[in-house]
PDB file of N, CA and C in Angstrom:
ATOM      1  N   UNK A   1     -17.841-153.127  -6.101  1.00  0.00           N
ATOM      2  CA  UNK A   1     -17.814-152.656  -7.477  1.00  0.00           C
ATOM      3  C   UNK A   1     -18.514-153.701  -8.339  1.00  0.00           C
ATOM      4  N   UNK A   2     -19.409-153.248  -9.184  1.00  0.00           N
ATOM      5  CA  UNK A   2     -20.126-154.213  -9.996  1.00  0.00           C
ATOM      6  C   UNK A   2     -19.269-154.718 -11.157  1.00  0.00           C
ATOM      7  N   UNK A   3     -19.675-155.817 -11.732  1.00  0.00           N
ATOM      8  CA  UNK A   3     -18.892-156.511 -12.753  1.00  0.00           C
ATOM      9  C   UNK A   3     -18.659-155.648 -13.993  1.00  0.00           C
ATOM     10  N   UNK A   4     -19.659-154.908 -14.441  1.00  0.00           N
ATOM     11  CA  UNK A   4     -19.493-154.100 -15.653  1.00  0.00           C
ATOM     12  C   UNK A   4     -18.474-152.980 -15.447  1.00  0.00           C
ATOM     13  N   UNK A   5     -18.396-152.445 -14.245  1.00  0.00           N
ATOM     14  CA  UNK A   5     -17.403-151.398 -13.961  1.00  0.00           C
ATOM     15  C   UNK A   5     -15.990-151.947 -14.054  1.00  0.00           C
ATOM     16  N   UNK A   6     -15.797-153.168 -13.584  1.00  0.00           N
ATOM     17  CA  UNK A   6     -14.471-153.789 -13.673  1.00  0.00           C
ATOM     18  C   UNK A   6     -14.056-153.961 -15.130  1.00  0.00           C
ATOM     19  N   UNK A   7     -14.986-154.384 -15.973  1.00  0.00           N
ATOM     20  CA  UNK A   7     -14.657-154.563 -17.388  1.00  0.00           C
ATOM     21  C   UNK A   7     -14.370-153.230 -18.068  1.00  0.00           C
ATOM     22  N   UNK A   8     -15.111-152.192 -17.706  1.00  0.00           N
ATOM     23  CA  UNK A   8     -14.869-150.867 -18.282  1.00  0.00           C
ATOM     24  C   UNK A   8     -13.492-150.342 -17.883  1.00  0.00           C
ATOM     25  N   UNK A   9     -13.087-150.581 -16.635  1.00  0.00           N
ATOM     26  CA  UNK A   9     -11.760-150.164 -16.190  1.00  0.00           C
ATOM     27  C   UNK A   9     -10.685-150.919 -16.956  1.00  0.00           C
ATOM     28  N   UNK A  10     -10.890-152.218 -17.152  1.00  0.00           N
ATOM     29  CA  UNK A  10      -9.930-153.015 -17.914  1.00  0.00           C
ATOM     30  C   UNK A  10      -9.811-152.515 -19.353  1.00  0.00           C
ATOM     31  N   UNK A  11     -10.919-152.266 -19.987  1.00  0.00           N
ATOM     32  CA  UNK A  11     -10.908-151.795 -21.373  1.00  0.00           C
ATOM     33  C   UNK A  11     -10.271-150.411 -21.473  1.00  0.00           C
ATOM     34  N   UNK A  12     -10.624-149.522 -20.562  1.00  0.00           N
ATOM     35  CA  UNK A  12     -10.057-148.170 -20.593  1.00  0.00           C
ATOM     36  C   UNK A  12      -8.551-148.198 -20.367  1.00  0.00           C
ATOM     37  N   UNK A  13      -8.096-148.992 -19.407  1.00  0.00           N
ATOM     38  CA  UNK A  13      -6.651-149.046 -19.156  1.00  0.00           C
ATOM     39  C   UNK A  13      -5.901-149.676 -20.322  1.00  0.00           C
ATOM     40  N   UNK A  14      -6.510-150.636 -20.981  1.00  0.00           N
ATOM     41  CA  UNK A  14      -5.867-151.241 -22.160  1.00  0.00           C
ATOM     42  C   UNK A  14      -5.719-150.214 -23.274  1.00  0.00           C
ATOM     43  N   UNK A  15      -6.753-149.432 -23.519  1.00  0.00           N
ATOM     44  CA  UNK A  15      -6.677-148.402 -24.555  1.00  0.00           C
ATOM     45  C   UNK A  15      -5.659-147.326 -24.199  1.00  0.00           C
ATOM     46  N   UNK A  16      -5.619-146.941 -22.945  1.00  0.00           N
ATOM     47  CA  UNK A  16      -4.645-145.929 -22.529  1.00  0.00           C
ATOM     48  C   UNK A  16      -3.226-146.434 -22.745  1.00  0.00           C
ATOM     49  N   UNK A  17      -2.975-147.688 -22.391  1.00  0.00           N
ATOM     50  CA  UNK A  17      -1.652-148.259 -22.589  1.00  0.00           C
ATOM     51  C   UNK A  17      -1.318-148.379 -24.065  1.00  0.00           C
ATOM     52  N   UNK A  18      -2.320-148.659 -24.891  1.00  0.00           N
ATOM     53  CA  UNK A  18      -2.081-148.816 -26.321  1.00  0.00           C
ATOM     54  C   UNK A  18      -1.700-147.498 -26.986  1.00  0.00           C
ATOM     55  N   UNK A  19      -2.232-146.399 -26.480  1.00  0.00           N
ATOM     56  CA  UNK A  19      -1.987-145.115 -27.118  1.00  0.00           C
ATOM     57  C   UNK A  19      -0.883-144.291 -26.470  1.00  0.00           C
ATOM     58  N   UNK A  20      -0.273-144.806 -25.443  1.00  0.00           N
ATOM     59  CA  UNK A  20       0.823-144.086 -24.803  1.00  0.00           C
ATOM     60  C   UNK A  20       2.094-144.902 -24.888  1.00  0.00           C
ATOM     61  N   UNK A  21       3.178-144.316 -24.452  1.00  0.00           N
ATOM     62  CA  UNK A  21       4.446-145.035 -24.459  1.00  0.00           C
ATOM     63  C   UNK A  21       5.227-144.777 -25.725  1.00  0.00           C
ATOM     64  N   UNK A  22       6.244-145.562 -25.911  1.00  0.00           N
ATOM     65  CA  UNK A  22       7.165-145.343 -27.030  1.00  0.00           C
ATOM     66  C   UNK A  22       6.951-146.316 -28.178  1.00  0.00           C
ATOM     67  N   UNK A  23       5.871-147.055 -28.167  1.00  0.00           N
ATOM     68  CA  UNK A  23       5.650-148.018 -29.245  1.00  0.00           C
ATOM     69  C   UNK A  23       5.555-147.360 -30.612  1.00  0.00           C
ATOM     70  N   UNK A  24       4.861-146.232 -30.680  1.00  0.00           N
ATOM     71  CA  UNK A  24       4.590-145.627 -31.978  1.00  0.00           C
ATOM     72  C   UNK A  24       5.685-144.683 -32.446  1.00  0.00           C
ATOM     73  N   UNK A  25       6.498-144.167 -31.557  1.00  0.00           N
ATOM     74  CA  UNK A  25       7.540-143.245 -31.986  1.00  0.00           C
ATOM     75  C   UNK A  25       8.941-143.842 -31.901  1.00  0.00           C
ATOM     76  N   UNK A  26       9.042-145.139 -31.689  1.00  0.00           N
ATOM     77  CA  UNK A  26      10.350-145.783 -31.597  1.00  0.00           C
ATOM     78  C   UNK A  26      11.148-145.624 -32.893  1.00  0.00           C
ATOM     79  N   UNK A  27      10.469-145.713 -34.025  1.00  0.00           N
ATOM     80  CA  UNK A  27      11.174-145.606 -35.302  1.00  0.00           C
ATOM     81  C   UNK A  27      11.777-144.220 -35.519  1.00  0.00           C
ATOM     82  N   UNK A  28      11.211-143.204 -34.881  1.00  0.00           N
ATOM     83  CA  UNK A  28      11.737-141.851 -35.086  1.00  0.00           C
ATOM     84  C   UNK A  28      13.040-141.606 -34.334  1.00  0.00           C
ATOM     85  N   UNK A  29      13.312-142.337 -33.279  1.00  0.00           N
ATOM     86  CA  UNK A  29      14.566-142.124 -32.557  1.00  0.00           C
ATOM     87  C   UNK A  29      15.479-143.346 -32.538  1.00  0.00           C
ATOM     88  N   UNK A  30      15.100-144.435 -33.190  1.00  0.00           N
ATOM     89  CA  UNK A  30      15.925-145.639 -33.131  1.00  0.00           C
ATOM     90  C   UNK A  30      17.279-145.446 -33.818  1.00  0.00           C
ATOM     91  N   UNK A  31      17.327-144.680 -34.901  1.00  0.00           N
ATOM     92  CA  UNK A  31      18.612-144.467 -35.565  1.00  0.00           C
ATOM     93  C   UNK A  31      19.547-143.642 -34.688  1.00  0.00           C
ATOM     94  N   UNK A  32      19.006-142.659 -33.970  1.00  0.00           N
ATOM     95  CA  UNK A  32      19.827-141.886 -33.029  1.00  0.00           C
ATOM     96  C   UNK A  32      20.303-142.754 -31.875  1.00  0.00           C
ATOM     97  N   UNK A  33      19.443-143.621 -31.406  1.00  0.00           N
ATOM     98  CA  UNK A  33      19.808-144.528 -30.316  1.00  0.00           C
ATOM     99  C   UNK A  33      20.940-145.456 -30.745  1.00  0.00           C
ATOM    100  N   UNK A  34      20.853-145.949 -31.967  1.00  0.00           N
ATOM    101  CA  UNK A  34      21.925-146.816 -32.473  1.00  0.00           C
ATOM    102  C   UNK A  34      23.245-146.072 -32.539  1.00  0.00           C
ATOM    103  N   UNK A  35      23.221-144.834 -33.020  1.00  0.00           N
ATOM    104  CA  UNK A  35      24.481-144.101 -33.162  1.00  0.00           C
ATOM    105  C   UNK A  35      25.058-143.684 -31.811  1.00  0.00           C
ATOM    106  N   UNK A  36      24.204-143.294 -30.866  1.00  0.00           N
ATOM    107  CA  UNK A  36      24.691-142.886 -29.546  1.00  0.00           C
ATOM    108  C   UNK A  36      25.284-144.074 -28.802  1.00  0.00           C
ATOM    109  N   UNK A  37      24.597-145.210 -28.852  1.00  0.00           N
ATOM    110  CA  UNK A  37      25.080-146.390 -28.143  1.00  0.00           C
ATOM    111  C   UNK A  37      26.119-147.181 -28.936  1.00  0.00           C
ATOM    112  N   UNK A  38      26.200-146.918 -30.234  1.00  0.00           N
ATOM    113  CA  UNK A  38      27.139-147.654 -31.067  1.00  0.00           C
ATOM    114  C   UNK A  38      26.777-149.122 -31.202  1.00  0.00           C
ATOM    115  N   UNK A  39      25.484-149.392 -31.349  1.00  0.00           N
ATOM    116  CA  UNK A  39      25.046-150.776 -31.466  1.00  0.00           C
ATOM    117  C   UNK A  39      24.500-151.024 -32.860  1.00  0.00           C
ATOM    118  N   UNK A  40      24.404-152.284 -33.227  1.00  0.00           N
ATOM    119  CA  UNK A  40      23.893-152.656 -34.549  1.00  0.00           C
ATOM    120  C   UNK A  40      22.367-152.744 -34.517  1.00  0.00           C
ATOM    121  N   UNK A  41      21.792-152.911 -35.690  1.00  0.00           N
ATOM    122  CA  UNK A  41      20.332-153.048 -35.779  1.00  0.00           C
ATOM    123  C   UNK A  41      19.864-154.313 -35.067  1.00  0.00           C
ATOM    124  N   UNK A  42      20.631-155.372 -35.132  1.00  0.00           N
ATOM    125  CA  UNK A  42      20.258-156.618 -34.462  1.00  0.00           C
ATOM    126  C   UNK A  42      20.234-156.424 -32.943  1.00  0.00           C
ATOM    127  N   UNK A  43      21.224-155.742 -32.406  1.00  0.00           N
ATOM    128  CA  UNK A  43      21.259-155.484 -30.973  1.00  0.00           C
ATOM    129  C   UNK A  43      20.102-154.573 -30.551  1.00  0.00           C
ATOM    130  N   UNK A  44      19.792-153.602 -31.386  1.00  0.00           N
ATOM    131  CA  UNK A  44      18.655-152.725 -31.108  1.00  0.00           C
ATOM    132  C   UNK A  44      17.353-153.526 -31.127  1.00  0.00           C
ATOM    133  N   UNK A  45      17.255-154.483 -32.027  1.00  0.00           N
ATOM    134  CA  UNK A  45      16.072-155.333 -32.071  1.00  0.00           C
ATOM    135  C   UNK A  45      15.932-156.153 -30.796  1.00  0.00           C
ATOM    136  N   UNK A  46      17.050-156.614 -30.232  1.00  0.00           N
ATOM    137  CA  UNK A  46      17.007-157.350 -28.966  1.00  0.00           C
ATOM    138  C   UNK A  46      16.454-156.471 -27.844  1.00  0.00           C
ATOM    139  N   UNK A  47      16.925-155.236 -27.760  1.00  0.00           N
ATOM    140  CA  UNK A  47      16.423-154.319 -26.738  1.00  0.00           C
ATOM    141  C   UNK A  47      14.934-154.033 -26.927  1.00  0.00           C
ATOM    142  N   UNK A  48      14.545-153.828 -28.169  1.00  0.00           N
ATOM    143  CA  UNK A  48      13.147-153.547 -28.468  1.00  0.00           C
ATOM    144  C   UNK A  48      12.264-154.746 -28.131  1.00  0.00           C
ATOM    145  N   UNK A  49      12.736-155.933 -28.456  1.00  0.00           N
ATOM    146  CA  UNK A  49      11.975-157.148 -28.177  1.00  0.00           C
ATOM    147  C   UNK A  49      11.808-157.349 -26.662  1.00  0.00           C
ATOM    148  N   UNK A  50      12.861-157.088 -25.898  1.00  0.00           N
ATOM    149  CA  UNK A  50      12.766-157.220 -24.443  1.00  0.00           C
ATOM    150  C   UNK A  50      11.748-156.236 -23.880  1.00  0.00           C
ATOM    151  N   UNK A  51      11.727-155.036 -24.414  1.00  0.00           N
ATOM    152  CA  UNK A  51      10.749-154.044 -23.969  1.00  0.00           C
ATOM    153  C   UNK A  51       9.328-154.487 -24.311  1.00  0.00           C
ATOM    154  N   UNK A  52       9.150-155.031 -25.507  1.00  0.00           N
ATOM    155  CA  UNK A  52       7.824-155.496 -25.916  1.00  0.00           C
ATOM    156  C   UNK A  52       7.351-156.668 -25.066  1.00  0.00           C
ATOM    157  N   UNK A  53       8.262-157.559 -24.696  1.00  0.00           N
ATOM    158  CA  UNK A  53       7.878-158.668 -23.818  1.00  0.00           C
ATOM    159  C   UNK A  53       7.369-158.147 -22.478  1.00  0.00           C
ATOM    160  N   UNK A  54       8.051-157.146 -21.949  1.00  0.00           N
ATOM    161  CA  UNK A  54       7.612-156.568 -20.687  1.00  0.00           C
ATOM    162  C   UNK A  54       6.226-155.974 -20.775  1.00  0.00           C
ATOM    163  N   UNK A  55       5.931-155.317 -21.881  1.00  0.00           N
ATOM    164  CA  UNK A  55       4.607-154.734 -22.064  1.00  0.00           C
ATOM    165  C   UNK A  55       3.552-155.809 -22.277  1.00  0.00           C
ATOM    166  N   UNK A  56       3.923-156.857 -22.993  1.00  0.00           N
ATOM    167  CA  UNK A  56       2.963-157.916 -23.289  1.00  0.00           C
ATOM    168  C   UNK A  56       2.566-158.698 -22.038  1.00  0.00           C
ATOM    169  N   UNK A  57       3.477-158.838 -21.089  1.00  0.00           N
ATOM    170  CA  UNK A  57       3.180-159.608 -19.889  1.00  0.00           C
ATOM    171  C   UNK A  57       2.695-158.745 -18.730  1.00  0.00           C
ATOM    172  N   UNK A  58       2.368-157.499 -18.988  1.00  0.00           N
ATOM    173  CA  UNK A  58       1.866-156.619 -17.937  1.00  0.00           C
ATOM    174  C   UNK A  58       0.532-157.054 -17.372  1.00  0.00           C
ATOM    175  N   UNK A  59      -0.238-157.801 -18.128  1.00  0.00           N
ATOM    176  CA  UNK A  59      -1.546-158.260 -17.664  1.00  0.00           C
ATOM    177  C   UNK A  59      -1.420-159.270 -16.525  1.00  0.00           C
ATOM    178  N   UNK A  60      -0.258-159.888 -16.383  1.00  0.00           N
ATOM    179  CA  UNK A  60      -0.074-160.908 -15.344  1.00  0.00           C
ATOM    180  C   UNK A  60      -0.274-160.339 -13.944  1.00  0.00           C
ATOM    181  N   UNK A  61       0.056-159.077 -13.746  1.00  0.00           N
ATOM    182  CA  UNK A  61      -0.106-158.496 -12.407  1.00  0.00           C
ATOM    183  C   UNK A  61      -1.579-158.431 -12.017  1.00  0.00           C
ATOM    184  N   UNK A  62      -2.433-158.114 -12.962  1.00  0.00           N
ATOM    185  CA  UNK A  62      -3.859-158.077 -12.650  1.00  0.00           C
ATOM    186  C   UNK A  62      -4.412-159.447 -12.316  1.00  0.00           C
ATOM    187  N   UNK A  63      -3.990-160.452 -13.045  1.00  0.00           N
ATOM    188  CA  UNK A  63      -4.452-161.808 -12.775  1.00  0.00           C
ATOM    189  C   UNK A  63      -3.906-162.303 -11.438  1.00  0.00           C
ATOM    190  N   UNK A  64      -2.650-161.984 -11.156  1.00  0.00           N
ATOM    191  CA  UNK A  64      -2.057-162.464  -9.914  1.00  0.00           C
ATOM    192  C   UNK A  64      -2.693-161.823  -8.678  1.00  0.00           C
ATOM    193  N   UNK A  65      -3.310-160.652  -8.847  1.00  0.00           N
ATOM    194  CA  UNK A  65      -4.000-160.028  -7.716  1.00  0.00           C
ATOM    195  C   UNK A  65      -5.199-160.842  -7.238  1.00  0.00           C
ATOM    196  N   UNK A  66      -5.705-161.710  -8.095  1.00  0.00           N
ATOM    197  CA  UNK A  66      -6.811-162.561  -7.675  1.00  0.00           C
ATOM    198  C   UNK A  66      -6.340-163.666  -6.736  1.00  0.00           C
ATOM    199  N   UNK A  67      -5.044-163.970  -6.766  1.00  0.00           N
ATOM    200  CA  UNK A  67      -4.533-165.095  -5.992  1.00  0.00           C
ATOM    201  C   UNK A  67      -3.551-164.708  -4.885  1.00  0.00           C
ATOM    202  N   UNK A  68      -2.954-163.524  -4.975  1.00  0.00           N
ATOM    203  CA  UNK A  68      -1.953-163.097  -3.994  1.00  0.00           C
ATOM    204  C   UNK A  68      -2.345-161.747  -3.407  1.00  0.00           C
ATOM    205  N   UNK A  69      -1.848-161.445  -2.212  1.00  0.00           N
ATOM    206  CA  UNK A  69      -2.105-160.111  -1.644  1.00  0.00           C
ATOM    207  C   UNK A  69      -1.379-159.019  -2.434  1.00  0.00           C
ATOM    208  N   UNK A  70      -1.869-157.812  -2.318  1.00  0.00           N
ATOM    209  CA  UNK A  70      -1.327-156.687  -3.069  1.00  0.00           C
ATOM    210  C   UNK A  70       0.160-156.487  -2.812  1.00  0.00           C
ATOM    211  N   UNK A  71       0.593-156.608  -1.562  1.00  0.00           N
ATOM    212  CA  UNK A  71       2.005-156.355  -1.247  1.00  0.00           C
ATOM    213  C   UNK A  71       2.919-157.371  -1.927  1.00  0.00           C
ATOM    214  N   UNK A  72       2.454-158.599  -2.112  1.00  0.00           N
ATOM    215  CA  UNK A  72       3.270-159.606  -2.799  1.00  0.00           C
ATOM    216  C   UNK A  72       3.417-159.248  -4.279  1.00  0.00           C
ATOM    217  N   UNK A  73       2.313-158.852  -4.902  1.00  0.00           N
ATOM    218  CA  UNK A  73       2.352-158.476  -6.319  1.00  0.00           C
ATOM    219  C   UNK A  73       3.236-157.252  -6.520  1.00  0.00           C
ATOM    220  N   UNK A  74       3.133-156.264  -5.633  1.00  0.00           N
ATOM    221  CA  UNK A  74       3.967-155.066  -5.744  1.00  0.00           C
ATOM    222  C   UNK A  74       5.447-155.394  -5.553  1.00  0.00           C
ATOM    223  N   UNK A  75       5.741-156.289  -4.635  1.00  0.00           N
ATOM    224  CA  UNK A  75       7.125-156.688  -4.410  1.00  0.00           C
ATOM    225  C   UNK A  75       7.700-157.414  -5.624  1.00  0.00           C
ATOM    226  N   UNK A  76       6.916-158.300  -6.197  1.00  0.00           N
ATOM    227  CA  UNK A  76       7.366-159.015  -7.400  1.00  0.00           C
ATOM    228  C   UNK A  76       7.550-158.042  -8.562  1.00  0.00           C
ATOM    229  N   UNK A  77       6.609-157.113  -8.742  1.00  0.00           N
ATOM    230  CA  UNK A  77       6.713-156.135  -9.828  1.00  0.00           C
ATOM    231  C   UNK A  77       7.931-155.234  -9.654  1.00  0.00           C
ATOM    232  N   UNK A  78       8.192-154.824  -8.415  1.00  0.00           N
ATOM    233  CA  UNK A  78       9.362-153.981  -8.165  1.00  0.00           C
ATOM    234  C   UNK A  78      10.646-154.741  -8.464  1.00  0.00           C
ATOM    235  N   UNK A  79      10.697-155.997  -8.078  1.00  0.00           N
ATOM    236  CA  UNK A  79      11.877-156.809  -8.357  1.00  0.00           C
ATOM    237  C   UNK A  79      12.077-156.992  -9.859  1.00  0.00           C
ATOM    238  N   UNK A  80      10.985-157.294 -10.575  1.00  0.00           N
ATOM    239  CA  UNK A  80      11.091-157.495 -12.023  1.00  0.00           C
ATOM    240  C   UNK A  80      11.495-156.198 -12.721  1.00  0.00           C
ATOM    241  N   UNK A  81      10.968-155.069 -12.269  1.00  0.00           N
ATOM    242  CA  UNK A  81      11.358-153.786 -12.840  1.00  0.00           C
ATOM    243  C   UNK A  81      12.818-153.483 -12.587  1.00  0.00           C
ATOM    244  N   UNK A  82      13.287-153.786 -11.382  1.00  0.00           N
ATOM    245  CA  UNK A  82      14.693-153.578 -11.055  1.00  0.00           C
ATOM    246  C   UNK A  82      15.592-154.423 -11.945  1.00  0.00           C
ATOM    247  N   UNK A  83      15.226-155.668 -12.147  1.00  0.00           N
ATOM    248  CA  UNK A  83      16.025-156.554 -13.005  1.00  0.00           C
ATOM    249  C   UNK A  83      15.999-156.062 -14.449  1.00  0.00           C
ATOM    250  N   UNK A  84      14.796-155.739 -14.952  1.00  0.00           N
ATOM    251  CA  UNK A  84      14.677-155.317 -16.344  1.00  0.00           C
ATOM    252  C   UNK A  84      15.422-154.030 -16.645  1.00  0.00           C
ATOM    253  N   UNK A  85      15.178-153.001 -15.842  1.00  0.00           N
ATOM    254  CA  UNK A  85      15.865-151.734 -16.061  1.00  0.00           C
ATOM    255  C   UNK A  85      17.335-151.824 -15.693  1.00  0.00           C
ATOM    256  N   UNK A  86      17.651-152.690 -14.735  1.00  0.00           N
ATOM    257  CA  UNK A  86      19.055-152.899 -14.388  1.00  0.00           C
ATOM    258  C   UNK A  86      19.842-153.505 -15.535  1.00  0.00           C
ATOM    259  N   UNK A  87      19.231-154.474 -16.216  1.00  0.00           N
ATOM    260  CA  UNK A  87      19.908-155.068 -17.375  1.00  0.00           C
ATOM    261  C   UNK A  87      20.085-154.050 -18.492  1.00  0.00           C
ATOM    262  N   UNK A  88      19.065-153.225 -18.719  1.00  0.00           N
ATOM    263  CA  UNK A  88      19.200-152.192 -19.746  1.00  0.00           C
ATOM    264  C   UNK A  88      20.317-151.218 -19.373  1.00  0.00           C
ATOM    265  N   UNK A  89      20.390-150.840 -18.111  1.00  0.00           N
ATOM    266  CA  UNK A  89      21.442-149.925 -17.670  1.00  0.00           C
ATOM    267  C   UNK A  89      22.818-150.563 -17.846  1.00  0.00           C
ATOM    268  N   UNK A  90      22.934-151.847 -17.526  1.00  0.00           N
ATOM    269  CA  UNK A  90      24.214-152.534 -17.701  1.00  0.00           C
ATOM    270  C   UNK A  90      24.628-152.581 -19.170  1.00  0.00           C
ATOM    271  N   UNK A  91      23.673-152.741 -20.058  1.00  0.00           N
ATOM    272  CA  UNK A  91      23.985-152.741 -21.492  1.00  0.00           C
ATOM    273  C   UNK A  91      24.428-151.354 -21.931  1.00  0.00           C
ATOM    274  N   UNK A  92      23.708-150.327 -21.500  1.00  0.00           N
ATOM    275  CA  UNK A  92      24.053-148.961 -21.899  1.00  0.00           C
ATOM    276  C   UNK A  92      25.415-148.553 -21.347  1.00  0.00           C
ATOM    277  N   UNK A  93      25.747-148.999 -20.141  1.00  0.00           N
ATOM    278  CA  UNK A  93      27.044-148.680 -19.538  1.00  0.00           C
ATOM    279  C   UNK A  93      28.162-149.591 -20.051  1.00  0.00           C
ATOM    280  N   UNK A  94      27.819-150.503 -20.938  1.00  0.00           N
ATOM    281  CA  UNK A  94      28.770-151.451 -21.543  1.00  0.00           C
ATOM    282  C   UNK A  94      29.455-152.347 -20.508  1.00  0.00           C
ATOM    283  N   UNK A  95      28.705-152.716 -19.468  1.00  0.00           N
ATOM    284  CA  UNK A  95      29.213-153.658 -18.478  1.00  0.00           C
ATOM    285  C   UNK A  95      28.938-155.072 -18.948  1.00  0.00           C
ATOM    286  N   UNK A  96      27.755-155.265 -19.563  1.00  0.00           N
ATOM    287  CA  UNK A  96      27.460-156.530 -20.241  1.00  0.00           C
ATOM    288  C   UNK A  96      27.167-156.192 -21.695  1.00  0.00           C
ATOM    289  N   UNK A  97      27.283-157.177 -22.564  1.00  0.00           N
ATOM    290  CA  UNK A  97      27.119-156.937 -23.991  1.00  0.00           C
ATOM    291  C   UNK A  97      26.013-157.821 -24.553  1.00  0.00           C
ATOM    292  N   UNK A  98      25.315-157.270 -25.521  1.00  0.00           N
ATOM    293  CA  UNK A  98      24.291-158.045 -26.215  1.00  0.00           C
ATOM    294  C   UNK A  98      24.954-159.015 -27.184  1.00  0.00           C
ATOM    295  N   UNK A  99      24.324-160.147 -27.458  1.00  0.00           N
ATOM    296  CA  UNK A  99      24.938-161.097 -28.416  1.00  0.00           C
ATOM    297  C   UNK A  99      24.987-160.536 -29.826  1.00  0.00           C
TER     298      UNK A  99
END
């Protein structure tokens, strides 16, 4: 694959990620989320911030592919996803509590 194609794929995937997901419609359902979960605005901000951190560090997988085999990167990503979504599930089930 030539170098310009790699850059076009990177740019296209960045734009697709920017225009999809819940970043733009979070404000429309955040008040319902607060009432259903019974959490405060500060606690909701913690959940939102954790989600944003995950999205911001998504580029690390592409960089790590230059140094590690694909199966290692996939294993690390699966583990991180399990931890991240597991913590969110524990918060929603009220097994652990946000500060």
